[in-house]
Protein backbone atom coordinates (compact mmCIF):
# COMPACT_ATOMS: atom_id res chain seq x y z
CA MET A 1 0.08 -0.15 -0.34
CA ARG A 2 0.88 3.73 -0.36
CA ARG A 3 0.94 6.22 2.24
CA ARG A 4 1.95 9.73 2.29
CA LEU A 5 2.96 11.01 5.79
CA THR A 6 4.37 14.77 6.64
CA SER A 7 6.72 15.74 9.51
CA ALA A 8 7.68 18.98 10.02
CA LEU A 9 10.26 18.19 13.00
CA ARG A 10 12.05 15.48 10.30
CA ILE A 11 11.50 15.37 6.65
CA GLY A 12 10.14 17.85 4.14
CA ALA A 13 7.74 14.53 3.31
CA VAL A 14 7.69 11.05 3.46
CA ALA A 15 6.65 8.43 1.21
CA VAL A 16 6.07 4.73 2.54
CA LEU A 17 6.03 1.75 0.80
CA ALA A 18 4.98 -1.43 2.96
CA ALA A 19 2.89 -4.38 2.65
CA VAL A 20 2.42 -5.19 6.26
CA LEU A 21 3.87 -4.10 9.65
CA LEU A 22 3.99 -0.42 8.70
CA PRO A 23 4.08 0.73 12.53
CA ALA A 24 6.80 -1.62 13.34
CA ILE A 25 9.09 -0.11 10.59
CA ILE A 26 8.48 3.24 10.45
CA GLU A 27 10.90 4.39 13.27
CA ALA A 28 13.94 2.30 11.84
CA ILE A 29 15.22 4.67 8.96
CA TYR A 30 15.58 8.60 9.42
CA VAL A 31 17.08 11.60 8.01
CA SER A 32 17.96 14.79 9.83
CA PRO A 33 17.80 17.97 9.54
CA PRO A 34 14.93 18.40 7.45
CA ILE A 35 16.47 21.45 5.24
CA VAL A 36 20.28 21.93 4.50
CA PHE A 37 21.30 25.14 2.93
CA MET A 38 24.38 25.92 0.70
CA ASP A 39 25.60 28.81 -0.81
CA ASP A 40 28.02 30.40 -3.47
CA ARG A 41 30.68 30.94 -0.06
CA THR A 42 30.19 27.34 1.38
CA ARG A 43 29.00 24.79 -1.19
CA ALA A 44 28.86 22.04 0.64
CA ALA A 45 26.44 21.00 3.43
CA GLN A 46 25.50 17.39 5.27
CA ILE A 47 22.62 15.06 6.26
CA THR A 48 22.67 12.38 8.95
CA ILE A 49 20.74 9.06 7.88
CA GLY A 50 20.53 6.94 10.82
CA ASN A 51 18.80 3.17 11.60
CA ASN A 52 16.78 2.98 14.82
CA GLY A 53 15.80 -0.59 13.82
CA ASP A 54 17.34 -4.14 15.01
CA ARG A 55 18.15 -5.05 11.24
CA ALA A 56 20.82 -3.96 8.98
CA GLU A 57 19.13 -1.43 6.42
CA GLU A 58 20.56 -0.73 3.01
CA ALA A 59 19.94 2.90 1.78
CA THR A 60 20.06 4.87 -1.28
CA VAL A 61 20.78 8.69 -2.13
CA GLU A 62 19.50 9.85 -4.81
CA LEU A 63 18.46 14.03 -5.79
CA LYS A 64 15.69 14.76 -7.86
CA PHE A 65 13.84 18.20 -8.58
CA GLY A 66 10.26 18.92 -6.71
CA PHE A 67 8.31 21.20 -4.49
CA PRO A 68 5.29 21.25 -2.11
CA ASP A 69 1.84 21.49 -4.09
CA ALA A 70 -1.72 20.84 -3.56
CA ASP A 71 -3.96 18.46 -5.49
CA SER A 72 -7.52 19.01 -6.79
CA ALA A 73 -8.82 18.71 -3.34
CA GLY A 74 -6.37 20.80 -1.77
CA THR A 75 -4.14 18.02 -0.38
CA PRO A 76 -0.62 19.34 0.05
CA TYR A 77 1.77 16.61 -1.48
CA VAL A 78 5.46 16.66 -2.99
CA ARG A 79 5.50 17.15 -7.11
CA PHE A 80 8.37 15.68 -8.39
CA VAL A 81 9.34 17.11 -11.83
CA ASP A 82 11.63 14.68 -13.85
CA ASP A 83 12.96 16.66 -16.29
CA PRO A 84 13.13 20.33 -15.31
CA GLY A 85 12.54 22.96 -17.72
CA PRO A 86 14.52 26.73 -17.55
CA GLU A 87 10.92 27.65 -15.65
CA TYR A 88 11.86 25.52 -12.73
CA ALA A 89 14.63 26.60 -10.15
CA SER A 90 16.35 23.43 -10.11
CA ALA A 91 19.74 22.23 -8.42
CA ALA A 92 18.98 18.65 -8.94
CA ASP A 93 21.71 18.36 -12.08
CA TRP A 94 24.40 19.84 -9.88
CA VAL A 95 24.18 18.94 -6.54
CA ARG A 96 25.81 15.44 -6.06
CA ALA A 97 25.49 13.09 -2.77
CA PHE A 98 28.53 11.47 -1.21
CA PRO A 99 28.30 8.14 -0.88
CA GLN A 100 25.17 7.23 -2.63
CA ARG A 101 24.66 4.13 -1.40
CA VAL A 102 25.10 3.05 2.43
CA ARG A 103 24.51 -0.08 4.35
CA LEU A 104 23.65 0.98 8.09
CA GLU A 105 23.79 -1.51 11.08
CA PRO A 106 21.34 -1.38 13.49
CA ARG A 107 21.94 1.95 15.62
CA THR A 108 24.04 3.29 13.44
CA GLN A 109 24.40 6.35 11.60
CA GLN A 110 26.07 7.67 8.43
CA VAL A 111 26.72 11.09 7.29
CA VAL A 112 25.89 11.77 3.70
CA ARG A 113 27.65 15.59 2.17
CA LEU A 114 26.47 17.39 -0.29
CA LEU A 115 28.48 19.57 -2.74
CA ALA A 116 26.88 21.88 -5.17
CA ARG A 117 28.81 22.81 -8.61
CA PRO A 118 26.56 25.39 -9.92
CA PRO A 119 27.27 26.48 -13.91
CA GLU A 120 29.48 29.85 -13.78
CA THR A 121 26.79 31.53 -15.50
CA LEU A 122 23.82 30.86 -12.81
CA PRO A 123 21.65 33.94 -12.17
CA ASP A 124 21.30 35.50 -9.04
CA GLY A 125 18.14 33.35 -6.52
CA GLU A 126 17.22 30.28 -5.20
CA TYR A 127 17.88 26.59 -6.06
CA TRP A 128 16.76 23.32 -4.83
CA THR A 129 16.36 19.60 -4.73
CA ARG A 130 15.01 16.81 -2.83
CA VAL A 131 16.98 14.63 -1.21
CA ILE A 132 15.56 10.96 -1.26
CA VAL A 133 16.66 8.29 1.03
CA THR A 134 15.58 4.83 0.27
CA GLY A 135 16.20 2.34 3.12
CA LYS A 136 15.40 -1.22 2.06
CA GLY A 137 15.26 -3.71 5.12
CA ALA A 138 15.79 -7.66 4.96
CA THR A 139 12.82 -9.57 3.46
CA LEU A 140 10.57 -10.62 6.44
CA ARG A 141 8.74 -13.85 6.46
CA VAL A 142 5.13 -13.80 7.13
CA ALA A 143 2.61 -16.66 8.03
CA GLY A 144 -0.59 -16.69 6.60
CA ALA A 145 -3.57 -18.24 8.20
CA ASP A 146 -2.46 -21.64 6.61
CA SER A 147 0.63 -21.85 8.92
CA THR A 148 2.10 -24.24 6.01
CA VAL A 149 2.17 -21.25 3.66
CA GLN A 150 4.59 -18.50 3.91
CA ALA A 151 5.44 -15.06 1.47
CA GLY A 152 8.75 -13.24 2.25
CA VAL A 153 7.48 -9.59 2.40
CA SER A 154 9.99 -6.35 1.12
CA LEU A 155 9.38 -3.33 3.15
CA GLU A 156 10.92 -0.13 1.32
CA ILE A 157 10.82 3.31 2.92
CA ARG A 158 11.08 6.77 1.65
CA LEU A 159 12.37 9.26 3.05
CA VAL A 160 12.40 12.87 1.27
CA THR A 161 14.27 16.39 2.75
CA SER A 162 15.31 19.33 1.10
CA ALA A 163 18.94 20.94 -0.28
CA ILE A 164 18.31 24.28 -1.08
CA TYR A 165 21.47 26.99 -2.58
CA ARG A 166 21.19 30.20 -2.73
CA LYS A 167 23.26 32.46 -5.00
CA GLY A 168 23.75 36.45 -4.58
CA ARG A 169 20.86 38.65 -3.79
CA VAL A 170 17.81 36.70 -2.73
CA SER A 171 14.65 37.84 -1.43
CA THR A 172 10.91 36.29 -0.96
CA GLY A 173 7.64 37.43 -0.07
CA VAL A 174 4.14 35.74 -0.27
CA ALA A 175 0.71 36.69 -1.49
CA LEU A 176 -2.91 35.41 -0.31
CA ARG A 177 -5.94 35.05 -2.90
CA GLY A 178 -9.57 33.58 -3.26
CA ILE A 179 -9.91 32.78 0.27
CA ASN A 180 -13.08 30.53 1.43
CA ALA A 181 -14.32 29.05 4.76
CA ASP A 182 -16.46 26.83 5.83
CA ILE A 183 -17.80 25.37 8.90
CA ASP A 184 -19.39 22.19 8.91
CA GLY A 185 -20.33 21.05 12.34
CA ASP A 186 -17.28 20.87 14.57
CA SER A 187 -14.67 21.37 11.61
CA LEU A 188 -13.46 24.55 10.14
CA ALA A 189 -12.14 24.12 6.34
CA VAL A 190 -10.46 26.75 4.80
CA TRP A 191 -9.35 27.37 1.32
CA ALA A 192 -6.44 29.64 0.26
CA GLY A 193 -4.67 30.55 -2.87
CA MET A 194 -0.64 31.33 -2.32
CA ALA A 195 2.14 32.39 -4.42
CA ARG A 196 5.60 33.60 -3.40
CA THR A 197 7.35 36.79 -4.97
CA GLY A 198 10.65 37.16 -5.36
CA ASN A 199 13.76 34.83 -6.26
CA ALA A 200 13.50 32.79 -3.45
CA GLY A 201 10.99 30.07 -1.75
CA TRP A 202 8.85 31.60 1.07
CA LEU A 203 9.66 29.70 4.09
CA GLY A 204 7.09 30.29 7.33
CA THR A 205 4.08 29.50 9.51
CA VAL A 206 0.35 29.86 8.94
CA ASP A 207 -1.94 30.91 11.77
CA ILE A 208 -5.54 30.81 11.45
CA ASP A 209 -8.14 31.92 13.65
CA LEU A 210 -11.91 31.73 13.91
CA VAL A 211 -13.41 34.74 15.91
CA THR A 212 -16.78 36.07 16.43
CA ALA A 213 -17.82 38.40 13.85
CA ARG A 214 -16.70 41.50 15.74
CA GLY A 215 -13.47 39.60 16.61
CA ASN A 216 -14.12 39.89 20.20
CA ARG A 217 -13.58 35.94 20.79
CA VAL A 218 -11.40 33.71 19.58
CA VAL A 219 -12.96 30.22 18.95
CA GLY A 220 -10.05 28.49 17.89
CA HIS A 221 -6.65 28.73 16.62
CA TRP A 222 -4.13 26.88 14.79
CA SER A 223 -1.10 26.93 13.30
CA THR A 224 0.79 25.05 10.11
CA PRO A 225 4.53 25.43 8.84
CA LEU A 226 4.36 25.64 5.61
CA ALA A 227 6.66 26.43 2.27
CA VAL A 228 5.34 28.10 -0.76
CA TYR A 229 7.79 27.80 -4.01
CA TYR A 230 5.06 27.85 -6.98
CA PRO A 231 1.33 28.99 -6.98
CA MET A 232 -0.70 26.59 -5.29
CA ARG A 233 -4.42 26.50 -3.96
CA ARG A 234 -4.13 24.64 -0.45
CA ARG A 235 -6.93 23.20 1.80
CA PHE A 236 -6.67 23.66 5.96
CA ALA A 237 -8.64 21.86 8.04
CA TYR A 238 -9.11 21.83 11.55
CA ARG A 239 -11.14 20.37 14.39
CA LEU A 240 -13.27 22.97 16.71
CA ALA A 241 -13.42 21.40 20.40
CA ASN A 242 -16.93 22.48 20.31
CA ALA A 243 -19.47 22.97 17.41
CA PRO A 244 -19.77 26.48 17.69
CA ALA A 245 -23.16 28.39 18.00
CA ALA A 246 -25.23 29.49 15.01
CA GLY A 247 -24.21 33.23 13.54
CA ASP A 248 -21.74 35.14 12.15
CA TYR A 249 -17.61 34.87 12.39
CA ARG A 250 -14.82 35.51 10.58
CA VAL A 251 -11.76 33.52 9.74
CA ARG A 252 -8.37 35.25 10.08
CA ILE A 253 -5.29 34.41 8.33
CA ARG A 254 -1.49 35.29 8.93
CA MET A 255 1.59 34.09 7.23
CA ARG A 256 4.67 35.08 9.05
CA THR A 257 8.22 33.84 8.57
CA ASP A 258 8.87 32.11 11.77
CA ARG A 259 9.89 28.46 11.52
CA PRO A 260 10.51 27.16 14.68
CA ASP A 261 12.19 23.49 13.25
CA LEU A 262 14.60 25.71 10.96
CA PRO A 263 17.91 28.01 12.12
CA ALA A 264 16.21 31.66 12.51
CA GLU A 265 19.30 33.19 10.26
CA ARG A 266 18.37 30.77 7.19
CA VAL A 267 14.92 31.60 7.01
CA LEU A 268 14.35 34.72 4.47
CA PRO A 269 12.57 37.87 6.18
CA ALA A 270 9.59 38.79 4.29
CA PRO A 271 6.34 41.02 5.60
CA THR A 272 3.72 39.48 7.44
CA VAL A 273 0.74 38.99 5.31
CA MET A 274 -2.85 38.87 6.81
CA ASP A 275 -6.27 38.65 5.17
CA SER A 276 -9.60 37.31 6.59
CA VAL A 277 -13.21 36.22 5.04
CA ALA A 278 -16.71 36.08 6.61
CA VAL A 279 -18.18 32.86 7.67
CA ARG A 280 -22.05 32.11 8.95
CA VAL A 281 -23.10 29.28 10.96
CA ASP A 282 -26.75 28.30 10.57
């Protein structure tokens, strides 16, 4: 089966392929940090791949261009582009990983170094690639209902983190557009179109408040880490502690460049953007 998981603390995105026993193996392989940064003065960085499991793991490292996007339902995912053209700020062709294949014994770690060799004519701006670490553990024996029949199950875990390269003068910002909100029972759904400005990706946090019409009482507050590289229309869904009473409310959105999971000096500053939309509970 295929599941897509996200974790702001360790990885930008996680894709897991497994037939059985997923909860038992999800913690076996890990990658840190969630994002590494390079620039035209420091063209090297490193990630750490670790094995928390009880079995040896074979891990491969691949670099591929990708960025956060949202599907037609507003659900976030990482969109990969196999052959990015000049319209994409890809670093996948000129960032290399060493080594590209490692064997991890139980409870061990391996440092993988990333080296950037950008073209000499590279314009100022920010470029990036996804670092895909694929862990393949030993084949597990699984017994069926008939104990005389056994099958070997091969488990594969893919962890996706990011490498960002900045050259020269970089700046960022974000624009909000087309905000819609709806309250259904004890659930709030907010749709928002977002696009970054400048020549670098926007890294920050989205704060969403549900308040009474005059704004004198906060019914709910939520914060979500976010990255905006290309225009997308994202859906945010939250559970309210209690279904709000009938009446008029407002949904307030604030986008700020603050990410507690990233080094503050690596998050590009940008003006805070705010907007709101009316919503009614019948």
